[in-house]
C-alpha cells in the first residue's frame, strides 16, 4: 500500500503518528511515528526547581498560605481593579503575583523581577504605625514599596498605571 492508502485507512484525519484508543473508528491501535523524538527534556524536569521570578526561598507558614489563598479568592473591589491592570504581564515583561506571603506579611501585589510591592490601601492605613514596621521589614528584604489609595484605583486607574510604570522604571513618583 502506498502512503495514500495508509492515510485513507487511518483512524483519524490527524497527521500520521496520532494515537487513538485501540479499535476506535475501525483502525489499528496506532501508527508509529516516522521519526524519533528530538531534543532532551528541560534540565529542570522533575527537579522541583523554581523560576527566578517565583519568589523567596523560605516557605510561609501553612496558616499564612491559607490566609493568602482566601484573600485571593475574595478580593476587595479596588484589589480586583488593580489586578486587572497588573495581570497577564500588561506592563510589558513585568509579571505580578497577588496576595503573596513574604516573611510574616502578605503583600497585595509583587513583581519579583523589579523587587516591587504594590499595596492597595484604604483609610485604615492612614498613619498606621504597624505599616511603618511592615514597610521596614519588606525594605530589609530588598523590596521597594508603592502604596496606592483605593479611591485612586477606582476613580483614576490611568493615573495609577502611570505611577506603577514610573516606579517600575526606577523613578519613584
Protein backbone atom coordinates (compact mmCIF):
# COMPACT_ATOMS: atom_id res chain seq x y z
CA UNK A 1 0.00 0.00 0.00
CA UNK A 2 1.16 3.50 -0.73
CA UNK A 3 1.02 6.48 1.59
CA UNK A 4 -2.35 7.47 0.17
CA UNK A 5 -3.84 4.08 1.08
CA UNK A 6 -2.46 4.30 4.63
CA UNK A 7 -3.85 7.81 5.03
CA UNK A 8 -7.29 6.80 3.78
CA UNK A 9 -7.38 3.89 6.27
CA UNK A 10 -6.00 5.99 9.12
CA UNK A 11 -8.32 6.01 12.15
CA UNK A 12 -8.45 9.79 12.16
CA UNK A 13 -7.82 12.72 9.90
CA UNK A 14 -4.91 13.80 12.08
CA UNK A 15 -1.35 13.51 10.82
CA UNK A 16 0.42 10.18 10.94
CA UNK A 17 1.65 9.30 14.39
CA UNK A 18 -1.58 10.40 16.07
CA UNK A 19 -2.55 7.87 18.73
CA UNK A 20 -6.13 6.73 19.24
CA UNK A 21 -7.52 4.07 21.55
CA UNK A 22 -7.46 0.56 20.07
CA UNK A 23 -10.45 -0.13 17.86
CA UNK A 24 -11.66 3.47 17.53
CA UNK A 25 -13.00 4.23 14.05
CA UNK A 26 -12.09 0.70 12.98
CA UNK A 27 -8.40 1.44 12.60
CA UNK A 28 -5.33 -0.11 14.08
CA UNK A 29 -4.03 0.71 17.54
CA UNK A 30 -1.70 3.41 16.29
CA UNK A 31 0.59 4.42 13.51
CA UNK A 32 4.21 4.58 14.56
CA UNK A 33 5.81 7.98 14.19
CA UNK A 34 8.17 8.23 11.25
CA UNK A 35 10.87 10.00 13.23
CA UNK A 36 12.40 9.60 16.68
CA UNK A 37 11.61 12.31 19.23
CA UNK A 38 14.24 15.03 19.19
CA UNK A 39 15.72 17.11 21.95
CA UNK A 40 16.10 16.34 25.59
CA UNK A 41 13.79 17.32 28.39
CA UNK A 42 14.43 20.50 30.30
CA UNK A 43 17.14 20.07 32.95
CA UNK A 44 14.59 21.26 35.50
CA UNK A 45 12.07 18.50 34.75
CA UNK A 46 11.42 16.54 37.91
CA UNK A 47 13.86 18.56 39.96
CA UNK A 48 11.29 20.78 41.67
CA UNK A 49 13.25 23.85 40.62
CA UNK A 50 11.67 27.29 40.72
CA UNK A 51 11.95 30.03 38.18
CA UNK A 52 13.95 33.10 39.14
CA UNK A 53 10.82 35.27 39.39
CA UNK A 54 8.96 32.94 41.73
CA UNK A 55 9.98 34.45 44.97
CA UNK A 56 11.77 33.86 48.19
CA UNK A 57 13.23 30.53 49.22
CA UNK A 58 11.65 30.41 52.66
CA UNK A 59 8.31 28.68 52.95
CA UNK A 60 5.48 30.63 54.55
CA UNK A 61 3.58 29.06 57.39
CA UNK A 62 0.53 26.98 56.43
CA UNK A 63 -1.66 29.48 58.28
CA UNK A 64 -0.27 32.38 56.21
CA UNK A 65 -0.63 30.40 52.97
CA UNK A 66 -4.26 29.64 53.78
CA UNK A 67 -4.96 33.30 54.57
CA UNK A 68 -3.31 34.46 51.32
CA UNK A 69 -5.34 31.92 49.33
CA UNK A 70 -8.51 33.17 50.98
CA UNK A 71 -7.59 36.77 50.18
CA UNK A 72 -7.03 35.85 46.51
CA UNK A 73 -10.50 34.29 46.37
CA UNK A 74 -12.24 37.29 47.96
CA UNK A 75 -10.52 40.47 46.77
CA UNK A 76 -11.83 43.94 47.52
CA UNK A 77 -13.23 45.97 44.64
CA UNK A 78 -10.04 48.04 44.46
CA UNK A 79 -7.82 44.92 44.50
CA UNK A 80 -9.86 43.40 41.66
CA UNK A 81 -9.50 46.52 39.55
CA UNK A 82 -5.77 46.82 40.30
CA UNK A 83 -5.26 43.13 39.47
CA UNK A 84 -6.97 43.74 36.13
CA UNK A 85 -4.34 46.44 35.45
CA UNK A 86 -1.40 44.24 36.51
CA UNK A 87 -2.22 40.72 35.36
CA UNK A 88 -1.02 38.92 32.22
CA UNK A 89 2.22 40.93 32.01
CA UNK A 90 0.36 44.05 30.92
CA UNK A 91 3.39 46.10 31.91
CA UNK A 92 5.48 44.50 29.14
CA UNK A 93 7.77 41.92 30.80
CA UNK A 94 6.82 42.59 34.41
CA UNK A 95 4.98 39.66 35.97
CA UNK A 96 2.92 40.39 39.06
CA UNK A 97 1.58 37.94 41.61
CA UNK A 98 -1.18 38.76 44.07
CA UNK A 99 -1.57 38.12 47.80
CA UNK A 100 1.94 36.73 48.25
CA UNK A 101 3.28 35.74 51.67
CA UNK A 102 6.65 37.41 52.31
CA UNK A 103 8.09 36.72 55.72
CA UNK A 104 5.35 37.28 58.29
CA UNK A 105 3.33 39.53 55.93
CA UNK A 106 1.08 39.16 52.89
CA UNK A 107 1.85 41.62 50.09
CA UNK A 108 -1.07 42.63 47.86
CA UNK A 109 0.90 42.54 44.56
CA UNK A 110 4.53 41.60 43.97
CA UNK A 111 6.80 41.89 40.96
CA UNK A 112 9.93 39.89 41.81
CA UNK A 113 11.91 40.97 38.75
CA UNK A 114 11.58 44.65 39.79
CA UNK A 115 11.59 43.93 43.57
CA UNK A 116 8.39 45.94 43.78
CA UNK A 117 5.42 45.51 46.09
CA UNK A 118 2.21 47.39 45.35
CA UNK A 119 -0.24 47.82 48.21
CA UNK A 120 -3.87 48.81 47.68
CA UNK A 121 -4.64 50.81 50.81
CA UNK A 122 -7.86 52.05 52.33
CA UNK A 123 -8.39 54.59 55.09
CA UNK A 124 -7.33 52.08 57.78
CA UNK A 125 -3.75 52.52 56.59
CA UNK A 126 -3.60 56.29 57.10
CA UNK A 127 -0.76 56.89 59.55
CA UNK A 128 -0.86 53.32 60.84
CA UNK A 129 2.28 52.65 62.95
CA UNK A 130 2.20 48.92 62.07
CA UNK A 131 2.65 49.83 58.40
CA UNK A 132 5.95 51.52 59.23
CA UNK A 133 7.28 48.32 60.84
CA UNK A 134 5.97 46.25 57.91
CA UNK A 135 7.48 48.57 55.30
CA UNK A 136 10.84 48.50 57.10
CA UNK A 137 10.89 44.69 57.10
CA UNK A 138 9.92 44.47 53.42
CA UNK A 139 12.61 47.04 52.53
CA UNK A 140 15.15 45.00 54.53
CA UNK A 141 14.24 42.06 52.28
CA UNK A 142 15.10 44.17 49.22
CA UNK A 143 11.67 45.35 48.08
CA UNK A 144 10.53 48.80 47.04
CA UNK A 145 7.00 49.66 48.09
CA UNK A 146 4.32 51.60 46.26
CA UNK A 147 1.16 52.36 48.21
CA UNK A 148 -1.90 53.27 46.15
CA UNK A 149 -5.14 54.51 47.69
CA UNK A 150 -8.27 52.52 46.90
CA UNK A 151 -10.09 55.71 45.86
CA UNK A 152 -7.38 56.41 43.27
CA UNK A 153 -7.56 52.87 41.90
CA UNK A 154 -11.32 53.11 41.46
CA UNK A 155 -11.56 56.72 40.23
CA UNK A 156 -8.28 57.24 38.32
CA UNK A 157 -6.89 53.91 37.07
CA UNK A 158 -4.88 55.62 34.29
CA UNK A 159 -3.02 57.74 36.85
CA UNK A 160 -2.35 54.61 38.93
CA UNK A 161 -0.99 52.82 35.83
CA UNK A 162 1.29 55.78 35.13
CA UNK A 163 2.58 55.74 38.72
CA UNK A 164 3.26 51.98 38.51
CA UNK A 165 5.06 52.37 35.17
CA UNK A 166 7.22 55.17 36.58
CA UNK A 167 8.05 53.13 39.68
CA UNK A 168 8.92 50.03 37.64
CA UNK A 169 11.46 52.05 35.71
CA UNK A 170 13.17 53.32 38.83
CA UNK A 171 11.68 56.80 39.09
CA UNK A 172 9.70 56.81 42.31
CA UNK A 173 6.65 59.11 41.92
